[in-house]
Amino acid sequence: MTGPSGNDNVDVLTVWSDIGCPWASLALHTLHTAAERRGQTLLLDHHAFPLELFNRQPTPKFIVDPEVIVIAACRPELGWRLWQGKESEYPVTTLPALEAVQAAKDPAVGGLAASGELDRALRRAFYAESRCISVHSVILDIAEECTHVDAGALSKALARGAGRAEVYEQWRTAQGPDVQGSPHFFTADGYAAHNPGARFEWTGDPNEGGLPRLHAYDTDWADELLDKLVAAAGRISEA
């Protein structure tokens, strides 16, 4: 991997994100929904922007909770809820889930289609189903529910440590100037957008009671990005 786009294939959209980032999960939901409405195949190359490694601490629940509230109120079709499980079962880390998404890229597990499906399922499990995606067995249970994922092959890959080196390599790359945060989208032909569609701000320091204020959320960016992918693929096929 030599740059933020991470993939030279014009059919592939690279996204840097953390599964525990509500804004990334909102953006990806918007993009998947637009692609399904258009009948367009969306192939994602997920790269980890591991917030807990940047911040040297688990992503605080008191930050995630208000973000979930304002996003879910704006987009109720997400089906998100505040954490319904025991407090002791709240995910303290997303690294195992991020590693599983990377491991799933192996063709033996399912490739990019499997990786993208698993990422989507892990986000739904966390935000809508209150499942502890820090736990190995939970991740594998979710993988079993994914059509494109060979859960047995994924289990063997994770037992070998697959995905961990990739997450740390991506973290090192994300410390450079090009990747601004979670989510950040890149195409092979130069498009880049950080947290597209969302206009929000914190009213103050969240450590001191500040809350997120979502001024607006525009979904048009998703169709514009999908149009770019179609156009880029068309130029390649005509060459």
Protein backbone atom coordinates (compact mmCIF):
# COMPACT_ATOMS: atom_id res chain seq x y z
CA MET A 1 0.00 0.00 0.00
CA THR A 2 1.63 3.22 -1.19
CA GLY A 3 -0.96 5.94 -0.64
CA PRO A 4 -4.37 6.84 0.76
CA SER A 5 -6.30 5.48 -2.23
CA GLY A 6 -4.83 2.08 -1.39
CA ASN A 7 -6.21 0.52 -4.56
CA ASP A 8 -5.42 1.25 -8.22
CA ASN A 9 -8.62 -0.35 -9.52
CA VAL A 10 -11.04 2.39 -10.67
CA ASP A 11 -13.98 0.11 -9.86
CA VAL A 12 -12.99 0.04 -6.19
CA LEU A 13 -13.71 2.71 -3.60
CA THR A 14 -11.27 2.90 -0.70
CA VAL A 15 -12.62 3.98 2.68
CA TRP A 16 -10.63 4.66 5.83
CA SER A 17 -12.71 4.29 8.96
CA ASP A 18 -13.26 2.79 12.37
CA ILE A 19 -16.23 0.46 12.84
CA GLY A 20 -16.79 2.22 16.18
CA CYS A 21 -17.19 5.61 14.44
CA PRO A 22 -20.91 6.46 14.02
CA TRP A 23 -20.18 9.03 11.29
CA ALA A 24 -18.37 6.42 9.19
CA SER A 25 -21.21 3.97 9.68
CA LEU A 26 -23.73 6.63 8.62
CA ALA A 27 -21.74 7.45 5.48
CA LEU A 28 -21.37 3.80 4.52
CA HIS A 29 -25.08 3.16 5.06
CA THR A 30 -25.87 6.12 2.80
CA LEU A 31 -23.54 4.82 0.12
CA HIS A 32 -24.83 1.23 0.27
CA THR A 33 -28.45 2.46 0.15
CA ALA A 34 -27.77 4.61 -2.92
CA ALA A 35 -25.96 1.77 -4.70
CA GLU A 36 -28.81 -0.66 -4.01
CA ARG A 37 -31.39 1.85 -5.23
CA ARG A 38 -29.45 2.25 -8.48
CA GLY A 39 -28.75 -1.47 -8.87
CA GLN A 40 -25.05 -0.63 -8.91
CA THR A 41 -22.42 -3.00 -7.59
CA LEU A 42 -20.31 -1.31 -4.91
CA LEU A 43 -16.89 -2.75 -4.21
CA LEU A 44 -15.17 -1.29 -1.14
CA ASP A 45 -11.60 -1.66 0.00
CA HIS A 46 -11.78 -1.04 3.75
CA HIS A 47 -8.78 0.46 5.50
CA ALA A 48 -8.57 0.86 9.25
CA PHE A 49 -8.50 4.26 10.91
CA PRO A 50 -8.23 2.81 14.44
CA LEU A 51 -9.33 5.58 16.76
CA GLU A 52 -8.20 3.77 19.90
CA LEU A 53 -4.63 3.59 18.58
CA PHE A 54 -4.65 7.29 17.70
CA ASN A 55 -6.18 8.28 21.05
CA ARG A 56 -4.44 5.67 23.19
CA GLN A 57 -7.75 4.74 24.82
CA PRO A 58 -11.03 3.00 23.99
CA THR A 59 -13.44 5.28 22.14
CA PRO A 60 -15.52 6.64 25.03
CA LYS A 61 -19.15 5.56 25.27
CA PHE A 62 -20.06 9.08 26.42
CA ILE A 63 -18.91 10.33 23.00
CA VAL A 64 -20.43 7.53 20.91
CA ASP A 65 -23.84 7.65 22.65
CA PRO A 66 -24.76 11.27 21.80
CA GLU A 67 -23.48 10.81 18.26
CA VAL A 68 -25.71 7.76 17.89
CA ILE A 69 -28.68 9.74 19.23
CA VAL A 70 -28.34 12.68 16.83
CA ILE A 71 -27.64 10.45 13.82
CA ALA A 72 -30.44 7.97 14.59
CA ALA A 73 -32.91 10.83 15.11
CA CYS A 74 -31.94 12.29 11.72
CA ARG A 75 -31.95 8.94 9.89
CA PRO A 76 -34.38 6.61 11.71
CA GLU A 77 -34.17 4.08 8.86
CA LEU A 78 -30.78 3.07 10.27
CA GLY A 79 -32.52 1.25 13.11
CA TRP A 80 -29.82 2.28 15.58
CA ARG A 81 -30.36 2.17 19.33
CA LEU A 82 -28.39 3.11 22.37
CA TRP A 83 -26.55 0.12 23.80
CA GLN A 84 -29.15 -2.37 25.07
CA GLY A 85 -26.79 -4.97 26.53
CA LYS A 86 -25.06 -5.07 29.87
CA GLU A 87 -22.59 -2.27 30.51
CA SER A 88 -19.95 -4.93 31.15
CA GLU A 89 -20.47 -6.26 27.61
CA TYR A 90 -19.99 -2.94 25.80
CA PRO A 91 -17.18 -3.28 23.23
CA VAL A 92 -13.95 -1.94 24.70
CA THR A 93 -12.03 -2.35 21.43
CA THR A 94 -12.80 -2.55 17.73
CA LEU A 95 -9.37 -3.89 16.75
CA PRO A 96 -10.49 -7.57 16.50
CA ALA A 97 -13.35 -6.52 14.22
CA LEU A 98 -11.09 -4.32 12.10
CA GLU A 99 -8.62 -7.19 11.80
CA ALA A 100 -11.37 -9.57 10.71
CA VAL A 101 -12.42 -7.19 7.94
CA GLN A 102 -8.82 -7.13 6.69
CA ALA A 103 -8.46 -10.92 6.97
CA ALA A 104 -11.63 -11.40 4.94
CA LYS A 105 -9.93 -9.78 1.92
CA ASP A 106 -7.99 -13.01 1.38
CA PRO A 107 -9.55 -14.77 -1.64
CA ALA A 108 -9.66 -17.94 0.46
CA VAL A 109 -12.07 -16.18 2.82
CA GLY A 110 -14.05 -14.34 0.17
CA GLY A 111 -12.11 -11.31 -1.07
CA LEU A 112 -13.26 -7.69 -1.16
CA ALA A 113 -16.93 -8.65 -1.45
CA ALA A 114 -16.64 -10.68 1.76
CA SER A 115 -14.67 -7.97 3.52
CA GLY A 116 -17.26 -5.34 2.66
CA GLU A 117 -20.18 -7.56 3.68
CA LEU A 118 -18.53 -8.41 6.99
CA ASP A 119 -17.78 -4.75 7.74
CA ARG A 120 -21.41 -3.85 7.10
CA ALA A 121 -22.67 -6.71 9.26
CA LEU A 122 -20.35 -5.81 12.15
CA ARG A 123 -21.61 -2.23 12.13
CA ARG A 124 -25.23 -3.38 12.15
CA ALA A 125 -24.45 -5.79 14.99
CA PHE A 126 -22.98 -3.00 17.10
CA TYR A 127 -25.33 -0.09 16.41
CA ALA A 128 -28.64 -1.90 15.89
CA GLU A 129 -28.28 -5.22 17.74
CA SER A 130 -26.02 -4.36 20.71
CA ARG A 131 -23.63 -7.27 20.08
CA CYS A 132 -20.14 -7.14 21.55
CA ILE A 133 -17.96 -7.02 18.45
CA SER A 134 -14.82 -7.07 20.59
CA VAL A 135 -15.31 -10.81 21.14
CA HIS A 136 -13.81 -13.36 18.74
CA SER A 137 -16.77 -15.76 18.88
CA VAL A 138 -19.25 -12.94 18.21
CA ILE A 139 -17.27 -11.85 15.16
CA LEU A 140 -17.32 -15.41 13.82
CA ASP A 141 -21.07 -15.72 14.52
CA ILE A 142 -21.60 -12.57 12.46
CA ALA A 143 -19.34 -13.93 9.72
CA GLU A 144 -21.54 -17.06 9.55
CA GLU A 145 -24.44 -14.76 8.65
CA CYS A 146 -22.57 -13.27 5.66
CA THR A 147 -23.19 -14.84 2.26
CA HIS A 148 -19.77 -14.06 0.81
CA VAL A 149 -17.68 -14.96 3.87
CA ASP A 150 -16.22 -18.42 4.41
CA ALA A 151 -16.46 -18.29 8.20
CA GLY A 152 -14.36 -21.43 8.65
CA ALA A 153 -11.55 -20.00 6.56
CA LEU A 154 -11.84 -16.72 8.44
CA SER A 155 -11.56 -18.53 11.77
CA LYS A 156 -8.37 -20.24 10.66
CA ALA A 157 -6.97 -16.99 9.28
CA LEU A 158 -7.62 -15.10 12.51
CA ALA A 159 -6.01 -17.92 14.50
CA ARG A 160 -2.86 -17.27 12.46
CA GLY A 161 -3.02 -13.56 13.26
CA ALA A 162 -4.27 -12.51 9.83
CA GLY A 163 -5.37 -8.89 9.58
CA ARG A 164 -3.36 -7.56 12.51
CA ALA A 165 -0.29 -6.46 10.56
CA GLU A 166 -2.53 -4.81 7.97
CA VAL A 167 -4.38 -2.78 10.62
CA TYR A 168 -1.12 -1.51 12.09
CA GLU A 169 0.32 -0.73 8.66
CA GLN A 170 -2.82 1.22 7.81
CA TRP A 171 -2.64 3.07 11.11
CA ARG A 172 0.91 4.17 10.24
CA THR A 173 -0.23 5.37 6.82
CA ALA A 174 -3.21 7.19 8.33
CA GLN A 175 -0.86 9.22 10.51
CA GLY A 176 0.28 11.01 7.36
CA PRO A 177 -1.31 14.19 6.01
CA ASP A 178 -3.65 12.67 3.43
CA VAL A 179 -6.09 10.72 5.59
CA GLN A 180 -8.01 13.24 7.68
CA GLY A 181 -10.15 10.95 9.81
CA SER A 182 -13.00 8.47 9.90
CA PRO A 183 -14.53 8.22 7.36
CA HIS A 184 -12.38 9.33 4.43
CA PHE A 185 -13.18 8.08 0.92
CA PHE A 186 -10.70 7.85 -1.98
CA THR A 187 -10.91 6.71 -5.59
CA ALA A 188 -8.00 5.61 -7.75
CA ASP A 189 -8.45 8.64 -10.04
CA GLY A 190 -8.06 11.29 -7.34
CA TYR A 191 -11.43 11.85 -5.66
CA ALA A 192 -11.25 12.33 -1.89
CA ALA A 193 -13.92 13.26 0.67
CA HIS A 194 -13.78 13.31 4.46
CA ASN A 195 -17.10 12.66 6.22
CA PRO A 196 -19.19 13.73 3.22
CA GLY A 197 -22.71 15.04 3.66
CA ALA A 198 -22.55 15.80 7.38
CA ARG A 199 -22.48 19.35 8.76
CA PHE A 200 -22.04 19.08 12.50
CA GLU A 201 -20.13 20.52 15.39
CA TRP A 202 -19.61 19.86 19.07
CA THR A 203 -21.14 22.48 21.38
CA GLY A 204 -18.11 22.10 23.63
CA ASP A 205 -15.50 19.67 24.84
CA PRO A 206 -17.27 16.27 25.13
CA ASN A 207 -15.13 15.56 28.20
CA GLU A 208 -16.88 18.51 29.85
CA GLY A 209 -20.44 17.85 28.72
CA GLY A 210 -20.30 19.13 25.14
CA LEU A 211 -22.78 17.57 22.73
CA PRO A 212 -22.80 17.04 18.95
CA ARG A 213 -25.09 19.30 16.94
CA LEU A 214 -26.02 18.01 13.49
CA HIS A 215 -26.97 20.99 11.35
CA ALA A 216 -27.78 19.02 8.20
CA TYR A 217 -27.13 15.76 6.41
CA ASP A 218 -27.09 15.73 2.61
CA THR A 219 -27.22 12.35 0.88
CA ASP A 220 -26.61 13.66 -2.66
CA TRP A 221 -22.87 13.05 -2.29
CA ALA A 222 -23.43 9.29 -2.54
CA ASP A 223 -24.98 9.47 -6.01
CA GLU A 224 -22.28 11.88 -7.15
CA LEU A 225 -19.58 9.48 -5.97
CA LEU A 226 -21.26 6.48 -7.57
CA ASP A 227 -21.52 8.45 -10.82
CA LYS A 228 -17.75 9.06 -10.65
CA LEU A 229 -17.09 5.33 -10.25
CA VAL A 230 -19.27 4.52 -13.26
CA ALA A 231 -17.63 7.22 -15.37
CA ALA A 232 -14.11 6.09 -14.42
CA ALA A 233 -14.91 2.48 -15.25
CA GLY A 234 -16.38 3.61 -18.58
CA ARG A 235 -13.23 5.48 -19.51
CA ILE A 236 -11.13 2.39 -18.82
CA SER A 237 -13.39 0.15 -20.91
CA GLU A 238 -13.21 2.59 -23.84
CA ALA A 239 -9.42 2.83 -23.74
